[in-house]
PDB file of N, CA and C in Angstrom:
ATOM      1  N   MET A   1       0.845  -1.171   0.000  1.00  0.00           N
ATOM      2  CA  MET A   1       0.000   0.000   0.000  1.00  0.00           C
ATOM      3  C   MET A   1       0.893   1.237   0.000  1.00  0.00           C
ATOM      4  N   VAL A   2       0.694   2.099  -0.972  1.00  0.00           N
ATOM      5  CA  VAL A   2       1.481   3.327  -1.076  1.00  0.00           C
ATOM      6  C   VAL A   2       0.771   4.415  -0.275  1.00  0.00           C
ATOM      7  N   ILE A   3       1.451   4.926   0.726  1.00  0.00           N
ATOM      8  CA  ILE A   3       0.838   5.897   1.627  1.00  0.00           C
ATOM      9  C   ILE A   3       0.467   7.188   0.909  1.00  0.00           C
ATOM     10  N   SER A   4       1.280   7.642  -0.019  1.00  0.00           N
ATOM     11  CA  SER A   4       1.018   8.921  -0.687  1.00  0.00           C
ATOM     12  C   SER A   4      -0.256   8.886  -1.538  1.00  0.00           C
ATOM     13  N   ASN A   5      -0.723   7.702  -1.926  1.00  0.00           N
ATOM     14  CA  ASN A   5      -1.933   7.587  -2.745  1.00  0.00           C
ATOM     15  C   ASN A   5      -3.206   7.404  -1.924  1.00  0.00           C
ATOM     16  N   LEU A   6      -3.118   7.497  -0.623  1.00  0.00           N
ATOM     17  CA  LEU A   6      -4.279   7.246   0.219  1.00  0.00           C
ATOM     18  C   LEU A   6      -5.186   8.455   0.408  1.00  0.00           C
ATOM     19  N   GLN A   7      -4.680   9.653   0.195  1.00  0.00           N
ATOM     20  CA  GLN A   7      -5.475  10.864   0.401  1.00  0.00           C
ATOM     21  C   GLN A   7      -6.767  10.793  -0.397  1.00  0.00           C
ATOM     22  N   ASN A   8      -7.910  10.999   0.271  1.00  0.00           N
ATOM     23  CA  ASN A   8      -9.256  10.984  -0.319  1.00  0.00           C
ATOM     24  C   ASN A   8      -9.690   9.621  -0.828  1.00  0.00           C
ATOM     25  N   SER A   9      -8.997   8.546  -0.433  1.00  0.00           N
ATOM     26  CA  SER A   9      -9.419   7.211  -0.858  1.00  0.00           C
ATOM     27  C   SER A   9     -10.660   6.789  -0.077  1.00  0.00           C
ATOM     28  N   LYS A  10     -11.445   5.895  -0.678  1.00  0.00           N
ATOM     29  CA  LYS A  10     -12.698   5.430  -0.092  1.00  0.00           C
ATOM     30  C   LYS A  10     -12.473   4.103   0.621  1.00  0.00           C
ATOM     31  N   TRP A  11     -13.138   3.917   1.782  1.00  0.00           N
ATOM     32  CA  TRP A  11     -12.963   2.724   2.597  1.00  0.00           C
ATOM     33  C   TRP A  11     -14.296   2.282   3.180  1.00  0.00           C
ATOM     34  N   THR A  12     -14.428   0.963   3.367  1.00  0.00           N
ATOM     35  CA  THR A  12     -15.594   0.382   4.017  1.00  0.00           C
ATOM     36  C   THR A  12     -15.146  -0.312   5.289  1.00  0.00           C
ATOM     37  N   ALA A  13     -15.787   0.018   6.399  1.00  0.00           N
ATOM     38  CA  ALA A  13     -15.517  -0.663   7.660  1.00  0.00           C
ATOM     39  C   ALA A  13     -16.243  -2.001   7.642  1.00  0.00           C
ATOM     40  N   VAL A  14     -15.536  -3.090   7.916  1.00  0.00           N
ATOM     41  CA  VAL A  14     -16.162  -4.413   7.936  1.00  0.00           C
ATOM     42  C   VAL A  14     -17.231  -4.456   9.025  1.00  0.00           C
ATOM     43  N   LYS A  15     -16.909  -3.943  10.210  1.00  0.00           N
ATOM     44  CA  LYS A  15     -17.885  -3.787  11.288  1.00  0.00           C
ATOM     45  C   LYS A  15     -18.164  -2.293  11.403  1.00  0.00           C
ATOM     46  N   PRO A  16     -19.426  -1.887  11.402  1.00  0.00           N
ATOM     47  CA  PRO A  16     -19.746  -0.455  11.446  1.00  0.00           C
ATOM     48  C   PRO A  16     -19.077   0.278  12.612  1.00  0.00           C
ATOM     49  N   VAL A  17     -18.665   1.502  12.335  1.00  0.00           N
ATOM     50  CA  VAL A  17     -18.087   2.399  13.333  1.00  0.00           C
ATOM     51  C   VAL A  17     -19.152   3.452  13.623  1.00  0.00           C
ATOM     52  N   ASP A  18     -19.693   3.443  14.825  1.00  0.00           N
ATOM     53  CA  ASP A  18     -20.812   4.336  15.180  1.00  0.00           C
ATOM     54  C   ASP A  18     -21.940   4.234  14.143  1.00  0.00           C
ATOM     55  N   ARG A  19     -22.287   3.020  13.786  1.00  0.00           N
ATOM     56  CA  ARG A  19     -23.355   2.679  12.838  1.00  0.00           C
ATOM     57  C   ARG A  19     -23.088   3.147  11.411  1.00  0.00           C
ATOM     58  N   SER A  20     -21.854   3.468  11.082  1.00  0.00           N
ATOM     59  CA  SER A  20     -21.489   3.896   9.725  1.00  0.00           C
ATOM     60  C   SER A  20     -20.467   2.943   9.139  1.00  0.00           C
ATOM     61  N   LYS A  21     -20.530   2.742   7.828  1.00  0.00           N
ATOM     62  CA  LYS A  21     -19.602   1.827   7.168  1.00  0.00           C
ATOM     63  C   LYS A  21     -18.723   2.494   6.120  1.00  0.00           C
ATOM     64  N   HIS A  22     -19.162   3.594   5.530  1.00  0.00           N
ATOM     65  CA  HIS A  22     -18.443   4.186   4.399  1.00  0.00           C
ATOM     66  C   HIS A  22     -17.703   5.458   4.806  1.00  0.00           C
ATOM     67  N   PHE A  23     -16.404   5.458   4.508  1.00  0.00           N
ATOM     68  CA  PHE A  23     -15.524   6.538   4.945  1.00  0.00           C
ATOM     69  C   PHE A  23     -14.580   6.961   3.829  1.00  0.00           C
ATOM     70  N   GLU A  24     -14.083   8.181   3.955  1.00  0.00           N
ATOM     71  CA  GLU A  24     -12.999   8.678   3.107  1.00  0.00           C
ATOM     72  C   GLU A  24     -11.819   8.998   4.010  1.00  0.00           C
ATOM     73  N   LEU A  25     -10.629   8.692   3.542  1.00  0.00           N
ATOM     74  CA  LEU A  25      -9.430   9.035   4.292  1.00  0.00           C
ATOM     75  C   LEU A  25      -9.088  10.478   3.941  1.00  0.00           C
ATOM     76  N   LYS A  26      -9.212  11.365   4.905  1.00  0.00           N
ATOM     77  CA  LYS A  26      -9.021  12.791   4.636  1.00  0.00           C
ATOM     78  C   LYS A  26      -7.592  13.259   4.851  1.00  0.00           C
ATOM     79  N   SER A  27      -6.879  12.676   5.814  1.00  0.00           N
ATOM     80  CA  SER A  27      -5.496  13.095   6.029  1.00  0.00           C
ATOM     81  C   SER A  27      -4.746  12.038   6.821  1.00  0.00           C
ATOM     82  N   LEU A  28      -3.429  12.158   6.776  1.00  0.00           N
ATOM     83  CA  LEU A  28      -2.538  11.288   7.536  1.00  0.00           C
ATOM     84  C   LEU A  28      -1.760  12.156   8.510  1.00  0.00           C
ATOM     85  N   GLU A  29      -1.680  11.698   9.746  1.00  0.00           N
ATOM     86  CA  GLU A  29      -0.930  12.417  10.769  1.00  0.00           C
ATOM     87  C   GLU A  29       0.213  11.524  11.212  1.00  0.00           C
ATOM     88  N   HIS A  30       1.430  12.021  11.110  1.00  0.00           N
ATOM     89  CA  HIS A  30       2.610  11.250  11.481  1.00  0.00           C
ATOM     90  C   HIS A  30       3.039  11.653  12.886  1.00  0.00           C
ATOM     91  N   SER A  31       3.079  10.664  13.776  1.00  0.00           N
ATOM     92  CA  SER A  31       3.505  10.954  15.144  1.00  0.00           C
ATOM     93  C   SER A  31       4.924  10.467  15.409  1.00  0.00           C
ATOM     94  N   GLY A  32       5.556   9.919  14.382  1.00  0.00           N
ATOM     95  CA  GLY A  32       6.927   9.442  14.526  1.00  0.00           C
ATOM     96  C   GLY A  32       7.473   9.023  13.181  1.00  0.00           C
ATOM     97  N   PRO A  33       8.720   8.608  13.139  1.00  0.00           N
ATOM     98  CA  PRO A  33       9.348   8.273  11.868  1.00  0.00           C
ATOM     99  C   PRO A  33       8.883   6.951  11.259  1.00  0.00           C
ATOM    100  N   LYS A  34       8.299   6.077  12.054  1.00  0.00           N
ATOM    101  CA  LYS A  34       7.887   4.770  11.551  1.00  0.00           C
ATOM    102  C   LYS A  34       6.470   4.817  11.016  1.00  0.00           C
ATOM    103  N   GLU A  35       6.201   3.946  10.019  1.00  0.00           N
ATOM    104  CA  GLU A  35       4.883   3.894   9.398  1.00  0.00           C
ATOM    105  C   GLU A  35       3.808   3.467  10.400  1.00  0.00           C
ATOM    106  N   ASP A  36       4.166   2.622  11.377  1.00  0.00           N
ATOM    107  CA  ASP A  36       3.170   2.153  12.343  1.00  0.00           C
ATOM    108  C   ASP A  36       2.755   3.246  13.329  1.00  0.00           C
ATOM    109  N   GLN A  37       3.395   4.395  13.262  1.00  0.00           N
ATOM    110  CA  GLN A  37       3.026   5.525  14.112  1.00  0.00           C
ATOM    111  C   GLN A  37       2.182   6.540  13.347  1.00  0.00           C
ATOM    112  N   THR A  38       1.684   6.159  12.183  1.00  0.00           N
ATOM    113  CA  THR A  38       0.858   7.032  11.362  1.00  0.00           C
ATOM    114  C   THR A  38      -0.615   6.840  11.723  1.00  0.00           C
ATOM    115  N   VAL A  39      -1.327   7.948  11.866  1.00  0.00           N
ATOM    116  CA  VAL A  39      -2.749   7.924  12.190  1.00  0.00           C
ATOM    117  C   VAL A  39      -3.522   8.433  10.974  1.00  0.00           C
ATOM    118  N   CYS A  40      -4.594   7.733  10.641  1.00  0.00           N
ATOM    119  CA  CYS A  40      -5.448   8.107   9.508  1.00  0.00           C
ATOM    120  C   CYS A  40      -6.685   8.821  10.041  1.00  0.00           C
ATOM    121  N   VAL A  41      -7.003   9.963   9.469  1.00  0.00           N
ATOM    122  CA  VAL A  41      -8.221  10.686   9.827  1.00  0.00           C
ATOM    123  C   VAL A  41      -9.278  10.300   8.795  1.00  0.00           C
ATOM    124  N   MET A  42     -10.267   9.550   9.271  1.00  0.00           N
ATOM    125  CA  MET A  42     -11.326   9.042   8.399  1.00  0.00           C
ATOM    126  C   MET A  42     -12.582   9.877   8.609  1.00  0.00           C
ATOM    127  N   ARG A  43     -13.263  10.235   7.505  1.00  0.00           N
ATOM    128  CA  ARG A  43     -14.507  11.008   7.603  1.00  0.00           C
ATOM    129  C   ARG A  43     -15.657  10.181   7.061  1.00  0.00           C
ATOM    130  N   CYS A  44     -16.682  10.034   7.854  1.00  0.00           N
ATOM    131  CA  CYS A  44     -17.875   9.302   7.433  1.00  0.00           C
ATOM    132  C   CYS A  44     -18.573  10.094   6.329  1.00  0.00           C
ATOM    133  N   ILE A  45     -18.979   9.425   5.259  1.00  0.00           N
ATOM    134  CA  ILE A  45     -19.589  10.161   4.152  1.00  0.00           C
ATOM    135  C   ILE A  45     -21.040  10.547   4.418  1.00  0.00           C
ATOM    136  N   VAL A  46     -21.686   9.916   5.399  1.00  0.00           N
ATOM    137  CA  VAL A  46     -23.080  10.223   5.705  1.00  0.00           C
ATOM    138  C   VAL A  46     -23.186  11.310   6.777  1.00  0.00           C
ATOM    139  N   THR A  47     -22.495  11.107   7.897  1.00  0.00           N
ATOM    140  CA  THR A  47     -22.624  12.032   9.029  1.00  0.00           C
ATOM    141  C   THR A  47     -21.534  13.098   9.070  1.00  0.00           C
ATOM    142  N   HIS A  48     -20.475  12.916   8.289  1.00  0.00           N
ATOM    143  CA  HIS A  48     -19.328  13.826   8.229  1.00  0.00           C
ATOM    144  C   HIS A  48     -18.551  13.893   9.547  1.00  0.00           C
ATOM    145  N   THR A  49     -18.745  12.907  10.411  1.00  0.00           N
ATOM    146  CA  THR A  49     -17.945  12.837  11.629  1.00  0.00           C
ATOM    147  C   THR A  49     -16.588  12.257  11.286  1.00  0.00           C
ATOM    148  N   THR A  50     -15.586  12.591  12.081  1.00  0.00           N
ATOM    149  CA  THR A  50     -14.249  12.066  11.831  1.00  0.00           C
ATOM    150  C   THR A  50     -13.852  11.071  12.914  1.00  0.00           C
ATOM    151  N   HIS A  51     -13.052  10.110  12.506  1.00  0.00           N
ATOM    152  CA  HIS A  51     -12.526   9.081  13.397  1.00  0.00           C
ATOM    153  C   HIS A  51     -11.046   8.931  13.079  1.00  0.00           C
ATOM    154  N   ARG A  52     -10.264   8.737  14.103  1.00  0.00           N
ATOM    155  CA  ARG A  52      -8.825   8.527  13.919  1.00  0.00           C
ATOM    156  C   ARG A  52      -8.512   7.064  14.185  1.00  0.00           C
ATOM    157  N   ILE A  53      -7.810   6.449  13.213  1.00  0.00           N
ATOM    158  CA  ILE A  53      -7.384   5.060  13.372  1.00  0.00           C
ATOM    159  C   ILE A  53      -5.923   4.951  12.959  1.00  0.00           C
ATOM    160  N   ARG A  54      -5.246   3.967  13.473  1.00  0.00           N
ATOM    161  CA  ARG A  54      -3.846   3.739  13.089  1.00  0.00           C
ATOM    162  C   ARG A  54      -3.794   3.144  11.683  1.00  0.00           C
ATOM    163  N   LEU A  55      -2.740   3.447  10.960  1.00  0.00           N
ATOM    164  CA  LEU A  55      -2.547   2.920   9.614  1.00  0.00           C
ATOM    165  C   LEU A  55      -2.500   1.398   9.637  1.00  0.00           C
ATOM    166  N   GLU A  56      -1.916   0.826  10.679  1.00  0.00           N
ATOM    167  CA  GLU A  56      -1.863  -0.638  10.821  1.00  0.00           C
ATOM    168  C   GLU A  56      -3.269  -1.226  10.788  1.00  0.00           C
ATOM    169  N   GLU A  57      -4.217  -0.573  11.458  1.00  0.00           N
ATOM    170  CA  GLU A  57      -5.595  -1.051  11.504  1.00  0.00           C
ATOM    171  C   GLU A  57      -6.245  -0.953  10.118  1.00  0.00           C
ATOM    172  N   LEU A  58      -5.950   0.118   9.392  1.00  0.00           N
ATOM    173  CA  LEU A  58      -6.510   0.298   8.053  1.00  0.00           C
ATOM    174  C   LEU A  58      -6.028  -0.793   7.098  1.00  0.00           C
ATOM    175  N   LYS A  59      -4.831  -1.283   7.294  1.00  0.00           N
ATOM    176  CA  LYS A  59      -4.270  -2.332   6.442  1.00  0.00           C
ATOM    177  C   LYS A  59      -4.858  -3.713   6.723  1.00  0.00           C
ATOM    178  N   ASP A  60      -5.575  -3.863   7.833  1.00  0.00           N
ATOM    179  CA  ASP A  60      -6.146  -5.149   8.227  1.00  0.00           C
ATOM    180  C   ASP A  60      -7.447  -5.401   7.470  1.00  0.00           C
ATOM    181  N   ASN A  61      -7.444  -6.388   6.563  1.00  0.00           N
ATOM    182  CA  ASN A  61      -8.629  -6.703   5.748  1.00  0.00           C
ATOM    183  C   ASN A  61      -9.801  -7.221   6.570  1.00  0.00           C
ATOM    184  N   LYS A  62      -9.552  -7.615   7.806  1.00  0.00           N
ATOM    185  CA  LYS A  62     -10.640  -8.061   8.668  1.00  0.00           C
ATOM    186  C   LYS A  62     -11.379  -6.869   9.281  1.00  0.00           C
ATOM    187  N   LYS A  63     -10.796  -5.671   9.180  1.00  0.00           N
ATOM    188  CA  LYS A  63     -11.411  -4.466   9.744  1.00  0.00           C
ATOM    189  C   LYS A  63     -11.831  -3.458   8.680  1.00  0.00           C
ATOM    190  N   TRP A  64     -11.013  -3.309   7.635  1.00  0.00           N
ATOM    191  CA  TRP A  64     -11.267  -2.293   6.606  1.00  0.00           C
ATOM    192  C   TRP A  64     -11.022  -2.875   5.211  1.00  0.00           C
ATOM    193  N   ARG A  65     -11.826  -2.420   4.255  1.00  0.00           N
ATOM    194  CA  ARG A  65     -11.652  -2.811   2.858  1.00  0.00           C
ATOM    195  C   ARG A  65     -11.608  -1.542   2.007  1.00  0.00           C
ATOM    196  N   LYS A  66     -10.692  -1.524   1.063  1.00  0.00           N
ATOM    197  CA  LYS A  66     -10.566  -0.354   0.180  1.00  0.00           C
ATOM    198  C   LYS A  66     -11.740  -0.340  -0.795  1.00  0.00           C
ATOM    199  N   GLY A  67     -12.359   0.810  -0.951  1.00  0.00           N
ATOM    200  CA  GLY A  67     -13.535   0.961  -1.809  1.00  0.00           C
ATOM    201  C   GLY A  67     -14.802   0.907  -0.983  1.00  0.00           C
ATOM    202  N   TRP A  68     -15.940   1.142  -1.631  1.00  0.00           N
ATOM    203  CA  TRP A  68     -17.234   1.102  -0.936  1.00  0.00           C
ATOM    204  C   TRP A  68     -17.979  -0.141  -1.367  1.00  0.00           C
ATOM    205  N   TYR A  69     -18.413  -0.917  -0.388  1.00  0.00           N
ATOM    206  CA  TYR A  69     -19.151  -2.165  -0.645  1.00  0.00           C
ATOM    207  C   TYR A  69     -20.497  -2.125   0.006  1.00  0.00           C
TER     208      TYR A  69
END
C-alpha cells in the first residue's frame, strides 16, 4: 500500500463504526518516523464525523476494505 496515494481514498468498515460503514481518508498524521506511528483521519460520508485510526488497523482486511461495498 502506497501511503502517498491514500489521500481521499474510499474505505468500508467491515464492522460499522458508530453505525457507519463508508468513509474517506481525509489526512494522515505522522507521530513518529515509523509507518506504524501514522494515524489516519477518516470522515464518514453520511454524518461527516471524523474518526482517527492507526494505519496498521486500516491495512487489516478483517477491519477495513478499500472501496465502498
